[in-house]
C-alpha atoms as a PDB file:
ATOM      1  CA  MET A   1     115.114 109.212  60.444  1.00  0.00           C
ATOM      2  CA  ASN A   2     114.830 112.596  62.117  1.00  0.00           C
ATOM      3  CA  HIS A   3     116.977 113.058  65.191  1.00  0.00           C
ATOM      4  CA  LYS A   4     118.027 116.451  66.522  1.00  0.00           C
ATOM      5  CA  SER A   5     121.448 115.122  67.543  1.00  0.00           C
ATOM      6  CA  ASP A   6     123.603 111.992  67.633  1.00  0.00           C
ATOM      7  CA  VAL A   7     122.895 111.711  71.372  1.00  0.00           C
ATOM      8  CA  GLU A   8     119.156 111.536  70.688  1.00  0.00           C
ATOM      9  CA  ALA A   9     119.818 108.975  67.938  1.00  0.00           C
ATOM     10  CA  LEU A  10     121.866 106.832  70.357  1.00  0.00           C
ATOM     11  CA  ASP A  11     119.034 106.980  72.913  1.00  0.00           C
ATOM     12  CA  ASN A  12     116.661 105.836  70.189  1.00  0.00           C
ATOM     13  CA  PHE A  13     119.070 103.017  69.285  1.00  0.00           C
ATOM     14  CA  ALA A  14     119.127 101.731  72.895  1.00  0.00           C
ATOM     15  CA  GLU A  15     115.315 101.797  72.907  1.00  0.00           C
ATOM     16  CA  LYS A  16     115.052  99.960  69.556  1.00  0.00           C
ATOM     17  CA  TYR A  17     117.501  97.334  70.826  1.00  0.00           C
ATOM     18  CA  LYS A  18     115.290  96.724  73.880  1.00  0.00           C
ATOM     19  CA  ASN A  19     112.231  96.345  71.614  1.00  0.00           C
ATOM     20  CA  LEU A  20     114.163  93.941  69.367  1.00  0.00           C
ATOM     21  CA  ASN A  21     115.202  91.877  72.365  1.00  0.00           C
ATOM     22  CA  ASP A  22     111.626  91.676  73.663  1.00  0.00           C
ATOM     23  CA  GLU A  23     110.359  90.638  70.223  1.00  0.00           C
ATOM     24  CA  ILE A  24     113.029  87.941  69.686  1.00  0.00           C
ATOM     25  CA  SER A  25     112.434  86.598  73.219  1.00  0.00           C
ATOM     26  CA  LYS A  26     108.864  85.726  72.227  1.00  0.00           C
ATOM     27  CA  ILE A  27     110.309  82.893  70.130  1.00  0.00           C
ATOM     28  CA  ILE A  28     113.807  82.272  71.514  1.00  0.00           C
ATOM     29  CA  ILE A  29     113.745  81.287  75.184  1.00  0.00           C
ATOM     30  CA  GLY A  30     116.942  82.179  77.081  1.00  0.00           C
ATOM     31  CA  GLN A  31     120.154  82.589  75.029  1.00  0.00           C
ATOM     32  CA  HIS A  32     120.241  86.324  75.956  1.00  0.00           C
ATOM     33  CA  ASP A  33     124.017  86.659  75.467  1.00  0.00           C
ATOM     34  CA  VAL A  34     123.838  84.914  72.097  1.00  0.00           C
ATOM     35  CA  ILE A  35     121.050  87.238  70.874  1.00  0.00           C
ATOM     36  CA  LYS A  36     122.993  90.268  72.121  1.00  0.00           C
ATOM     37  CA  ASN A  37     126.201  89.151  70.367  1.00  0.00           C
ATOM     38  CA  VAL A  38     124.399  88.497  67.070  1.00  0.00           C
ATOM     39  CA  LEU A  39     122.765  91.948  67.193  1.00  0.00           C
ATOM     40  CA  ILE A  40     126.077  93.640  68.097  1.00  0.00           C
ATOM     41  CA  SER A  41     127.738  92.026  65.080  1.00  0.00           C
ATOM     42  CA  ILE A  42     124.890  93.134  62.776  1.00  0.00           C
ATOM     43  CA  PHE A  43     125.061  96.755  63.970  1.00  0.00           C
ATOM     44  CA  SER A  44     128.887  96.669  63.809  1.00  0.00           C
ATOM     45  CA  ARG A  45     128.780  95.439  60.170  1.00  0.00           C
ATOM     46  CA  GLY A  46     130.456  92.198  61.209  1.00  0.00           C
ATOM     47  CA  HIS A  47     129.676  88.516  60.699  1.00  0.00           C
ATOM     48  CA  CYS A  48     129.023  85.924  63.379  1.00  0.00           C
ATOM     49  CA  LEU A  49     129.905  82.250  63.830  1.00  0.00           C
ATOM     50  CA  LEU A  50     127.645  80.196  66.128  1.00  0.00           C
ATOM     51  CA  ILE A  51     129.034  76.959  67.518  1.00  0.00           C
ATOM     52  CA  GLY A  52     126.877  74.374  69.248  1.00  0.00           C
ATOM     53  CA  VAL A  53     125.436  70.884  69.018  1.00  0.00           C
ATOM     54  CA  PRO A  54     122.371  70.340  66.778  1.00  0.00           C
ATOM     55  CA  GLY A  55     118.947  71.305  68.117  1.00  0.00           C
ATOM     56  CA  LEU A  56     119.844  74.482  70.054  1.00  0.00           C
ATOM     57  CA  ALA A  57     117.641  76.711  67.824  1.00  0.00           C
ATOM     58  CA  LYS A  58     120.538  78.253  65.877  1.00  0.00           C
ATOM     59  CA  THR A  59     118.538  78.313  62.621  1.00  0.00           C
ATOM     60  CA  LEU A  60     115.374  79.499  64.385  1.00  0.00           C
ATOM     61  CA  LEU A  61     117.342  82.338  65.999  1.00  0.00           C
ATOM     62  CA  VAL A  62     118.538  83.665  62.632  1.00  0.00           C
ATOM     63  CA  ASN A  63     115.095  83.308  61.087  1.00  0.00           C
ATOM     64  CA  THR A  64     113.535  85.212  64.004  1.00  0.00           C
ATOM     65  CA  ILE A  65     116.122  88.023  63.846  1.00  0.00           C
ATOM     66  CA  ALA A  66     115.612  88.374  60.073  1.00  0.00           C
ATOM     67  CA  LYS A  67     111.839  88.769  60.592  1.00  0.00           C
ATOM     68  CA  THR A  68     112.145  91.355  63.375  1.00  0.00           C
ATOM     69  CA  LEU A  69     114.623  93.332  61.243  1.00  0.00           C
ATOM     70  CA  GLY A  70     112.445  93.162  58.140  1.00  0.00           C
ATOM     71  CA  LEU A  71     115.311  91.849  56.010  1.00  0.00           C
ATOM     72  CA  LYS A  72     115.554  89.430  53.082  1.00  0.00           C
ATOM     73  CA  TYR A  73     116.841  86.145  54.378  1.00  0.00           C
ATOM     74  CA  SER A  74     118.545  83.154  52.705  1.00  0.00           C
ATOM     75  CA  ARG A  75     119.465  79.834  54.234  1.00  0.00           C
ATOM     76  CA  ILE A  76     122.235  77.806  52.606  1.00  0.00           C
ATOM     77  CA  GLN A  77     122.614  74.244  53.865  1.00  0.00           C
ATOM     78  CA  PHE A  78     126.304  73.403  53.489  1.00  0.00           C
ATOM     79  CA  THR A  79     126.932  69.806  52.393  1.00  0.00           C
ATOM     80  CA  PRO A  80     130.045  67.979  51.105  1.00  0.00           C
ATOM     81  CA  ASP A  81     128.788  68.204  47.486  1.00  0.00           C
ATOM     82  CA  LEU A  82     127.867  71.928  47.532  1.00  0.00           C
ATOM     83  CA  MET A  83     129.542  73.914  44.733  1.00  0.00           C
ATOM     84  CA  PRO A  84     130.589  77.626  44.768  1.00  0.00           C
ATOM     85  CA  SER A  85     127.992  78.330  42.032  1.00  0.00           C
ATOM     86  CA  ASP A  86     125.277  77.010  44.399  1.00  0.00           C
ATOM     87  CA  ILE A  87     126.101  80.001  46.627  1.00  0.00           C
ATOM     88  CA  ILE A  88     126.931  82.891  44.308  1.00  0.00           C
ATOM     89  CA  GLY A  89     124.844  81.935  41.279  1.00  0.00           C
ATOM     90  CA  THR A  90     125.532  80.708  37.770  1.00  0.00           C
ATOM     91  CA  GLU A  91     125.385  81.770  34.128  1.00  0.00           C
ATOM     92  CA  ILE A  92     122.705  80.168  31.979  1.00  0.00           C
ATOM     93  CA  LEU A  93     121.984  80.319  28.270  1.00  0.00           C
ATOM     94  CA  ASP A  94     118.596  82.012  27.846  1.00  0.00           C
ATOM     95  CA  GLU A  95     116.050  81.606  25.038  1.00  0.00           C
ATOM     96  CA  ASN A  96     117.860  84.315  22.988  1.00  0.00           C
ATOM     97  CA  ARG A  97     121.067  82.247  23.140  1.00  0.00           C
ATOM     98  CA  LYS A  98     122.698  84.871  25.372  1.00  0.00           C
ATOM     99  CA  PHE A  99     124.357  84.200  28.708  1.00  0.00           C
ATOM    100  CA  ARG A 100     122.430  85.506  31.677  1.00  0.00           C
ATOM    101  CA  PHE A 101     123.571  85.493  35.310  1.00  0.00           C
ATOM    102  CA  VAL A 102     121.095  83.929  37.727  1.00  0.00           C
ATOM    103  CA  LYS A 103     121.794  85.226  41.236  1.00  0.00           C
ATOM    104  CA  GLY A 104     122.368  82.671  43.984  1.00  0.00           C
ATOM    105  CA  PRO A 105     121.168  82.728  47.619  1.00  0.00           C
ATOM    106  CA  VAL A 106     124.072  85.000  48.667  1.00  0.00           C
ATOM    107  CA  PHE A 107     122.060  87.930  47.234  1.00  0.00           C
ATOM    108  CA  ALA A 108     120.097  88.620  50.433  1.00  0.00           C
ATOM    109  CA  ASN A 109     120.546  90.760  53.574  1.00  0.00           C
ATOM    110  CA  ILE A 110     121.003  87.965  56.080  1.00  0.00           C
ATOM    111  CA  ILE A 111     122.675  84.722  55.030  1.00  0.00           C
ATOM    112  CA  LEU A 112     122.494  81.692  57.261  1.00  0.00           C
ATOM    113  CA  ALA A 113     125.401  79.426  56.337  1.00  0.00           C
ATOM    114  CA  ASP A 114     124.141  76.301  58.061  1.00  0.00           C
ATOM    115  CA  GLU A 115     126.817  73.812  59.165  1.00  0.00           C
ATOM    116  CA  ILE A 116     129.513  75.705  57.267  1.00  0.00           C
ATOM    117  CA  ASN A 117     132.185  73.169  58.251  1.00  0.00           C
ATOM    118  CA  ARG A 118     130.434  70.349  56.368  1.00  0.00           C
ATOM    119  CA  THR A 119     131.574  71.633  52.960  1.00  0.00           C
ATOM    120  CA  PRO A 120     135.090  71.541  51.418  1.00  0.00           C
ATOM    121  CA  PRO A 121     137.344  74.649  51.552  1.00  0.00           C
ATOM    122  CA  LYS A 122     136.737  75.518  47.860  1.00  0.00           C
ATOM    123  CA  THR A 123     133.055  76.143  48.575  1.00  0.00           C
ATOM    124  CA  GLN A 124     133.698  77.766  51.964  1.00  0.00           C
ATOM    125  CA  SER A 125     135.931  80.300  50.206  1.00  0.00           C
ATOM    126  CA  ALA A 126     133.076  81.301  47.850  1.00  0.00           C
ATOM    127  CA  LEU A 127     131.693  83.177  50.848  1.00  0.00           C
ATOM    128  CA  LEU A 128     135.027  84.920  51.515  1.00  0.00           C
ATOM    129  CA  GLU A 129     134.752  87.649  48.875  1.00  0.00           C
ATOM    130  CA  ALA A 130     131.098  88.248  49.731  1.00  0.00           C
ATOM    131  CA  MET A 131     131.923  88.640  53.437  1.00  0.00           C
ATOM    132  CA  GLN A 132     134.927  90.890  52.976  1.00  0.00           C
ATOM    133  CA  GLU A 133     134.230  92.905  49.822  1.00  0.00           C
ATOM    134  CA  ARG A 134     130.406  92.704  49.986  1.00  0.00           C
ATOM    135  CA  SER A 135     130.452  91.870  46.294  1.00  0.00           C
ATOM    136  CA  VAL A 136     130.458  88.783  44.070  1.00  0.00           C
ATOM    137  CA  THR A 137     132.473  88.262  40.894  1.00  0.00           C
ATOM    138  CA  ALA A 138     131.086  85.844  38.317  1.00  0.00           C
ATOM    139  CA  ALA A 139     132.269  85.431  34.718  1.00  0.00           C
ATOM    140  CA  GLY A 140     134.453  88.541  35.066  1.00  0.00           C
ATOM    141  CA  LYS A 141     131.621  90.814  36.185  1.00  0.00           C
ATOM    142  CA  THR A 142     131.279  92.206  39.727  1.00  0.00           C
ATOM    143  CA  TYR A 143     127.893  92.401  41.415  1.00  0.00           C
ATOM    144  CA  ILE A 144     127.468  94.533  44.558  1.00  0.00           C
ATOM    145  CA  LEU A 145     125.502  92.881  47.355  1.00  0.00           C
ATOM    146  CA  ASP A 146     122.546  94.548  49.076  1.00  0.00           C
ATOM    147  CA  ASP A 147     123.117  96.637  52.177  1.00  0.00           C
ATOM    148  CA  PRO A 148     122.956  95.640  55.030  1.00  0.00           C
ATOM    149  CA  PHE A 149     124.700  92.306  54.449  1.00  0.00           C
ATOM    150  CA  PHE A 150     125.379  89.877  57.267  1.00  0.00           C
ATOM    151  CA  VAL A 151     126.576  86.251  57.335  1.00  0.00           C
ATOM    152  CA  LEU A 152     125.663  84.107  60.287  1.00  0.00           C
ATOM    153  CA  ALA A 153     127.326  80.714  60.069  1.00  0.00           C
ATOM    154  CA  THR A 154     126.571  77.749  62.294  1.00  0.00           C
ATOM    155  CA  GLN A 155     129.058  75.036  63.022  1.00  0.00           C
ATOM    156  CA  ASN A 156     128.808  71.741  64.818  1.00  0.00           C
ATOM    157  CA  PRO A 157     131.667  71.019  67.214  1.00  0.00           C
ATOM    158  CA  ILE A 158     134.702  70.111  65.102  1.00  0.00           C
ATOM    159  CA  GLU A 159     135.187  66.668  66.684  1.00  0.00           C
ATOM    160  CA  GLN A 160     132.167  65.355  64.803  1.00  0.00           C
ATOM    161  CA  GLU A 161     132.911  63.205  61.770  1.00  0.00           C
ATOM    162  CA  GLY A 162     132.636  64.473  58.193  1.00  0.00           C
ATOM    163  CA  THR A 163     133.653  68.066  58.885  1.00  0.00           C
ATOM    164  CA  TYR A 164     136.259  70.344  57.280  1.00  0.00           C
ATOM    165  CA  PRO A 165     137.805  72.786  59.780  1.00  0.00           C
ATOM    166  CA  LEU A 166     137.478  76.401  58.619  1.00  0.00           C
ATOM    167  CA  PRO A 167     140.831  77.862  57.475  1.00  0.00           C
ATOM    168  CA  GLU A 168     142.245  80.653  59.670  1.00  0.00           C
ATOM    169  CA  ALA A 169     141.736  83.242  56.888  1.00  0.00           C
ATOM    170  CA  GLN A 170     138.043  82.400  56.784  1.00  0.00           C
ATOM    171  CA  LEU A 171     137.696  82.343  60.585  1.00  0.00           C
ATOM    172  CA  ASP A 172     139.281  85.804  60.775  1.00  0.00           C
ATOM    173  CA  ARG A 173     136.453  87.176  58.583  1.00  0.00           C
ATOM    174  CA  PHE A 174     134.012  86.542  61.425  1.00  0.00           C
ATOM    175  CA  MET A 175     133.750  89.310  63.982  1.00  0.00           C
ATOM    176  CA  PHE A 176     132.402  87.002  66.700  1.00  0.00           C
ATOM    177  CA  ASN A 177     132.647  83.352  67.610  1.00  0.00           C
ATOM    178  CA  VAL A 178     129.729  82.556  69.940  1.00  0.00           C
ATOM    179  CA  ASN A 179     129.271  79.300  71.840  1.00  0.00           C
ATOM    180  CA  LEU A 180     125.738  78.055  72.484  1.00  0.00           C
ATOM    181  CA  ASP A 181     125.009  76.090  75.639  1.00  0.00           C
ATOM    182  CA  TYR A 182     122.124  73.799  76.475  1.00  0.00           C
ATOM    183  CA  PRO A 183     119.100  75.603  77.946  1.00  0.00           C
ATOM    184  CA  THR A 184     118.503  75.492  81.702  1.00  0.00           C
ATOM    185  CA  PHE A 185     115.851  73.080  83.003  1.00  0.00           C
ATOM    186  CA  SER A 186     113.151  75.782  83.347  1.00  0.00           C
ATOM    187  CA  GLN A 187     113.985  77.229  79.903  1.00  0.00           C
ATOM    188  CA  GLU A 188     113.681  73.786  78.317  1.00  0.00           C
ATOM    189  CA  VAL A 189     110.319  73.241  80.029  1.00  0.00           C
ATOM    190  CA  THR A 190     109.085  76.545  78.511  1.00  0.00           C
ATOM    191  CA  VAL A 191     110.450  75.592  75.067  1.00  0.00           C
ATOM    192  CA  VAL A 192     108.660  72.221  75.157  1.00  0.00           C
ATOM    193  CA  LYS A 193     105.386  73.847  76.322  1.00  0.00           C
ATOM    194  CA  ASN A 194     105.505  76.489  73.568  1.00  0.00           C
ATOM    195  CA  THR A 195     106.483  74.168  70.727  1.00  0.00           C
ATOM    196  CA  THR A 196     104.175  71.231  71.409  1.00  0.00           C
ATOM    197  CA  SER A 197     100.914  73.188  71.579  1.00  0.00           C
ATOM    198  CA  ASP A 198      98.871  75.105  69.014  1.00  0.00           C
ATOM    199  CA  LEU A 199     100.310  78.395  70.273  1.00  0.00           C
ATOM    200  CA  GLU A 200     101.136  80.754  67.399  1.00  0.00           C
ATOM    201  CA  THR A 201     103.394  83.738  67.984  1.00  0.00           C
ATOM    202  CA  LYS A 202     103.214  86.699  65.639  1.00  0.00           C
ATOM    203  CA  LEU A 203     106.411  88.694  65.265  1.00  0.00           C
ATOM    204  CA  ASN A 204     106.474  92.450  64.665  1.00  0.00           C
ATOM    205  CA  THR A 205     109.100  94.130  62.487  1.00  0.00           C
ATOM    206  CA  ILE A 206     111.048  96.583  64.652  1.00  0.00           C
ATOM    207  CA  LEU A 207     113.550  97.996  62.150  1.00  0.00           C
ATOM    208  CA  ASP A 208     113.938  98.123  58.369  1.00  0.00           C
ATOM    209  CA  ALA A 209     117.076  98.026  56.170  1.00  0.00           C
ATOM    210  CA  LYS A 210     117.328 101.832  55.976  1.00  0.00           C
ATOM    211  CA  GLU A 211     117.187 102.233  59.782  1.00  0.00           C
ATOM    212  CA  ILE A 212     119.765  99.453  60.286  1.00  0.00           C
ATOM    213  CA  THR A 213     122.184 101.178  57.884  1.00  0.00           C
ATOM    214  CA  PHE A 214     121.583 104.473  59.735  1.00  0.00           C
ATOM    215  CA  PHE A 215     122.421 102.868  63.109  1.00  0.00           C
ATOM    216  CA  GLN A 216     125.478 101.079  61.644  1.00  0.00           C
ATOM    217  CA  ASN A 217     126.823 104.483  60.544  1.00  0.00           C
ATOM    218  CA  LEU A 218     125.883 106.017  63.902  1.00  0.00           C
ATOM    219  CA  ILE A 219     127.907 103.374  65.831  1.00  0.00           C
ATOM    220  CA  ARG A 220     130.980 104.318  63.772  1.00  0.00           C
ATOM    221  CA  LYS A 221     130.612 107.924  64.981  1.00  0.00           C
ATOM    222  CA  VAL A 222     130.690 107.015  68.696  1.00  0.00           C
ATOM    223  CA  PRO A 223     133.826 108.625  70.205  1.00  0.00           C
ATOM    224  CA  VAL A 224     136.449 106.481  71.974  1.00  0.00           C
ATOM    225  CA  THR A 225     139.147 107.726  74.325  1.00  0.00           C
ATOM    226  CA  ASN A 226     142.778 106.885  73.569  1.00  0.00           C
ATOM    227  CA  ASN A 227     143.227 104.815  76.716  1.00  0.00           C
ATOM    228  CA  VAL A 228     140.410 102.453  75.625  1.00  0.00           C
ATOM    229  CA  ILE A 229     141.932 102.031  72.136  1.00  0.00           C
ATOM    230  CA  GLU A 230     145.362 101.415  73.697  1.00  0.00           C
ATOM    231  CA  TYR A 231     143.849  98.879  76.106  1.00  0.00           C
ATOM    232  CA  ALA A 232     142.237  96.955  73.201  1.00  0.00           C
ATOM    233  CA  VAL A 233     145.447  96.927  71.141  1.00  0.00           C
ATOM    234  CA  ASP A 234     147.448  95.946  74.247  1.00  0.00           C
ATOM    235  CA  LEU A 235     145.065  93.040  74.951  1.00  0.00           C
ATOM    236  CA  VAL A 236     145.452  91.755  71.372  1.00  0.00           C
ATOM    237  CA  SER A 237     149.254  92.245  71.495  1.00  0.00           C
ATOM    238  CA  LYS A 238     149.405  90.064  74.621  1.00  0.00           C
ATOM    239  CA  THR A 239     148.101  87.098  72.590  1.00  0.00           C
ATOM    240  CA  ARG A 240     151.132  87.098  70.251  1.00  0.00           C
ATOM    241  CA  PRO A 241     153.849  84.780  71.586  1.00  0.00           C
ATOM    242  CA  GLU A 242     157.506  85.853  71.602  1.00  0.00           C
ATOM    243  CA  THR A 243     156.744  89.507  70.822  1.00  0.00           C
ATOM    244  CA  GLU A 244     157.480  92.681  72.770  1.00  0.00           C
ATOM    245  CA  LYS A 245     154.080  92.828  74.516  1.00  0.00           C
ATOM    246  CA  SER A 246     153.406  89.088  74.805  1.00  0.00           C
ATOM    247  CA  HIS A 247     151.973  87.700  78.048  1.00  0.00           C
ATOM    248  CA  SER A 248     153.755  84.841  79.831  1.00  0.00           C
ATOM    249  CA  TRP A 249     150.699  82.625  79.148  1.00  0.00           C
ATOM    250  CA  ALA A 250     150.929  83.452  75.437  1.00  0.00           C
ATOM    251  CA  ASN A 251     154.549  82.285  75.360  1.00  0.00           C
ATOM    252  CA  GLU A 252     153.610  79.130  77.212  1.00  0.00           C
ATOM    253  CA  TYR A 253     150.281  78.122  75.678  1.00  0.00           C
ATOM    254  CA  ILE A 254     149.676  79.922  72.365  1.00  0.00           C
ATOM    255  CA  LYS A 255     150.963  78.793  68.959  1.00  0.00           C
ATOM    256  CA  TRP A 256     149.952  82.074  67.346  1.00  0.00           C
ATOM    257  CA  GLY A 257     147.821  85.009  68.376  1.00  0.00           C
ATOM    258  CA  ALA A 258     145.306  87.467  66.992  1.00  0.00           C
ATOM    259  CA  GLY A 259     145.955  89.929  64.148  1.00  0.00           C
ATOM    260  CA  PRO A 260     145.030  93.632  63.829  1.00  0.00           C
ATOM    261  CA  ARG A 261     141.462  92.792  62.773  1.00  0.00           C
ATOM    262  CA  ALA A 262     140.856  91.686  66.370  1.00  0.00           C
ATOM    263  CA  SER A 263     141.784  95.181  67.666  1.00  0.00           C
ATOM    264  CA  GLN A 264     139.417  96.798  65.147  1.00  0.00           C
ATOM    265  CA  TYR A 265     136.533  94.491  66.122  1.00  0.00           C
ATOM    266  CA  LEU A 266     137.180  95.018  69.846  1.00  0.00           C
ATOM    267  CA  ILE A 267     136.716  98.782  69.428  1.00  0.00           C
ATOM    268  CA  ILE A 268     133.730  98.745  67.070  1.00  0.00           C
ATOM    269  CA  GLY A 269     132.074  96.040  69.219  1.00  0.00           C
ATOM    270  CA  ALA A 270     132.774  98.001  72.416  1.00  0.00           C
ATOM    271  CA  LYS A 271     131.163 101.101  70.828  1.00  0.00           C
ATOM    272  CA  CYS A 272     128.050  99.096  69.998  1.00  0.00           C
ATOM    273  CA  ASN A 273     127.926  97.425  73.429  1.00  0.00           C
ATOM    274  CA  ALA A 274     128.170 100.846  75.094  1.00  0.00           C
ATOM    275  CA  ALA A 275     125.383 102.260  72.882  1.00  0.00           C
ATOM    276  CA  LEU A 276     123.080  99.314  73.688  1.00  0.00           C
ATOM    277  CA  ASN A 277     123.525 100.073  77.381  1.00  0.00           C
ATOM    278  CA  GLY A 278     122.742 103.767  76.997  1.00  0.00           C
ATOM    279  CA  LYS A 279     126.354 104.978  77.197  1.00  0.00           C
ATOM    280  CA  TYR A 280     127.734 107.535  74.751  1.00  0.00           C
ATOM    281  CA  SER A 281     131.338 106.294  74.784  1.00  0.00           C
ATOM    282  CA  PRO A 282     132.803 102.836  75.536  1.00  0.00           C
ATOM    283  CA  ASP A 283     135.115 102.085  78.454  1.00  0.00           C
ATOM    284  CA  ILE A 284     137.485  99.202  79.220  1.00  0.00           C
ATOM    285  CA  GLU A 285     134.597  97.161  80.656  1.00  0.00           C
ATOM    286  CA  ASP A 286     132.875  97.223  77.236  1.00  0.00           C
ATOM    287  CA  VAL A 287     136.051  95.874  75.613  1.00  0.00           C
ATOM    288  CA  ASN A 288     136.275  93.047  78.164  1.00  0.00           C
ATOM    289  CA  VAL A 289     132.605  92.086  77.671  1.00  0.00           C
ATOM    290  CA  ILE A 290     133.144  91.241  73.991  1.00  0.00           C
ATOM    291  CA  ALA A 291     136.796  90.118  74.234  1.00  0.00           C
ATOM    292  CA  TYR A 292     135.912  86.410  74.443  1.00  0.00           C
ATOM    293  CA  SER A 293     133.733  86.417  71.318  1.00  0.00           C
ATOM    294  CA  VAL A 294     136.325  88.408  69.340  1.00  0.00           C
ATOM    295  CA  LEU A 295     139.470  86.521  70.408  1.00  0.00           C
ATOM    296  CA  ARG A 296     138.165  82.960  70.826  1.00  0.00           C
ATOM    297  CA  HIS A 297     138.676  81.949  67.176  1.00  0.00           C
ATOM    298  CA  ARG A 298     141.807  84.035  66.604  1.00  0.00           C
ATOM    299  CA  ILE A 299     144.009  82.293  69.168  1.00  0.00           C
ATOM    300  CA  VAL A 300     145.557  78.945  68.272  1.00  0.00           C
ATOM    301  CA  ARG A 301     146.613  76.937  71.330  1.00  0.00           C
ATOM    302  CA  ASN A 302     149.794  74.869  71.286  1.00  0.00           C
ATOM    303  CA  PHE A 303     150.165  71.209  72.201  1.00  0.00           C
ATOM    304  CA  LYS A 304     151.058  72.021  75.825  1.00  0.00           C
ATOM    305  CA  ALA A 305     147.756  73.922  76.344  1.00  0.00           C
ATOM    306  CA  GLU A 306     145.775  71.014  74.883  1.00  0.00           C
ATOM    307  CA  ALA A 307     147.692  68.454  76.959  1.00  0.00           C
ATOM    308  CA  GLU A 308     147.097  70.432  80.175  1.00  0.00           C
ATOM    309  CA  GLY A 309     143.435  71.067  79.349  1.00  0.00           C
ATOM    310  CA  ILE A 310     143.877  74.850  79.164  1.00  0.00           C
ATOM    311  CA  LYS A 311     140.950  76.205  77.126  1.00  0.00           C
ATOM    312  CA  THR A 312     141.084  79.313  74.909  1.00  0.00           C
ATOM    313  CA  ASP A 313     138.629  81.075  77.255  1.00  0.00           C
ATOM    314  CA  ASP A 314     140.966  80.382  80.211  1.00  0.00           C
ATOM    315  CA  ILE A 315     143.791  82.083  78.315  1.00  0.00           C
ATOM    316  CA  ILE A 316     141.621  85.121  77.430  1.00  0.00           C
ATOM    317  CA  ALA A 317     140.516  85.421  81.084  1.00  0.00           C
ATOM    318  CA  LYS A 318     144.162  85.439  82.172  1.00  0.00           C
ATOM    319  CA  LEU A 319     145.164  88.030  79.547  1.00  0.00           C
ATOM    320  CA  SER A 320     142.313  90.416  80.424  1.00  0.00           C
ATOM    321  CA  GLU A 321     143.135  90.438  84.153  1.00  0.00           C
ATOM    322  CA  GLN A 322     143.980  94.012  85.122  1.00  0.00           C
END
């Protein structure tokens, strides 16, 4: 990609993002914030957790994004009997009586971990190394995963039967936790019209793997002022009860707060959000825009918060008040 300067490259990035959005919107009606959050996590080299009831086009969204980004895509349906080898691959004895590793579905650019909370922790953790190290170890040998690599996991609300809550260590691997809502009445009318006729929509590929990697590296170069970094770290510090910077609501309603990974994701996400909106450096507003998605799954409420009906988003809203 030939750009005369990083500024020109960032302008090109904002333009490509707009094209991506237009392309995805051909298939996905509404859900603009969800699409934006998924794209921010891809360009920030993060992973994303989508939470919503069945039938809200979570799988379709990932499929559509994979097509517009021209990436190899794998869907893994998580079930109670899924084994780690079903994800990472397994060794087989070939015709020459030698062991050969057969790669599993994790060897792709975009992984859709469908209903990730339906499988036991042993299998959930098979994704951990892949998400963090971007590599897979099998039979003592390490295999590097393709770049870019992105896990998008969907989860049904935890109250449903037959689910295994994700451990905190696994949740922390996800950059964003995004809630999906039902479509509005007019959006649902459009969805029904489009999906019950013989209308066929052709998707164009907007970016390829090389361009995505270029833009991921470009986002890292975006400068951030000290006051924005301090604001992000301060916001995360407020979530930790009984510490020097803790907020009164944290002491009252939070069992434990977010770790340093939250501060890192707030800054990298704010850089990407700024770049999407044509800005060359993020400000505090950019941090606040993504704060909910970054902190939502890193704050554990205590019994008092649950008893009083105080939601995690209410706590984040209170902490991010200036």
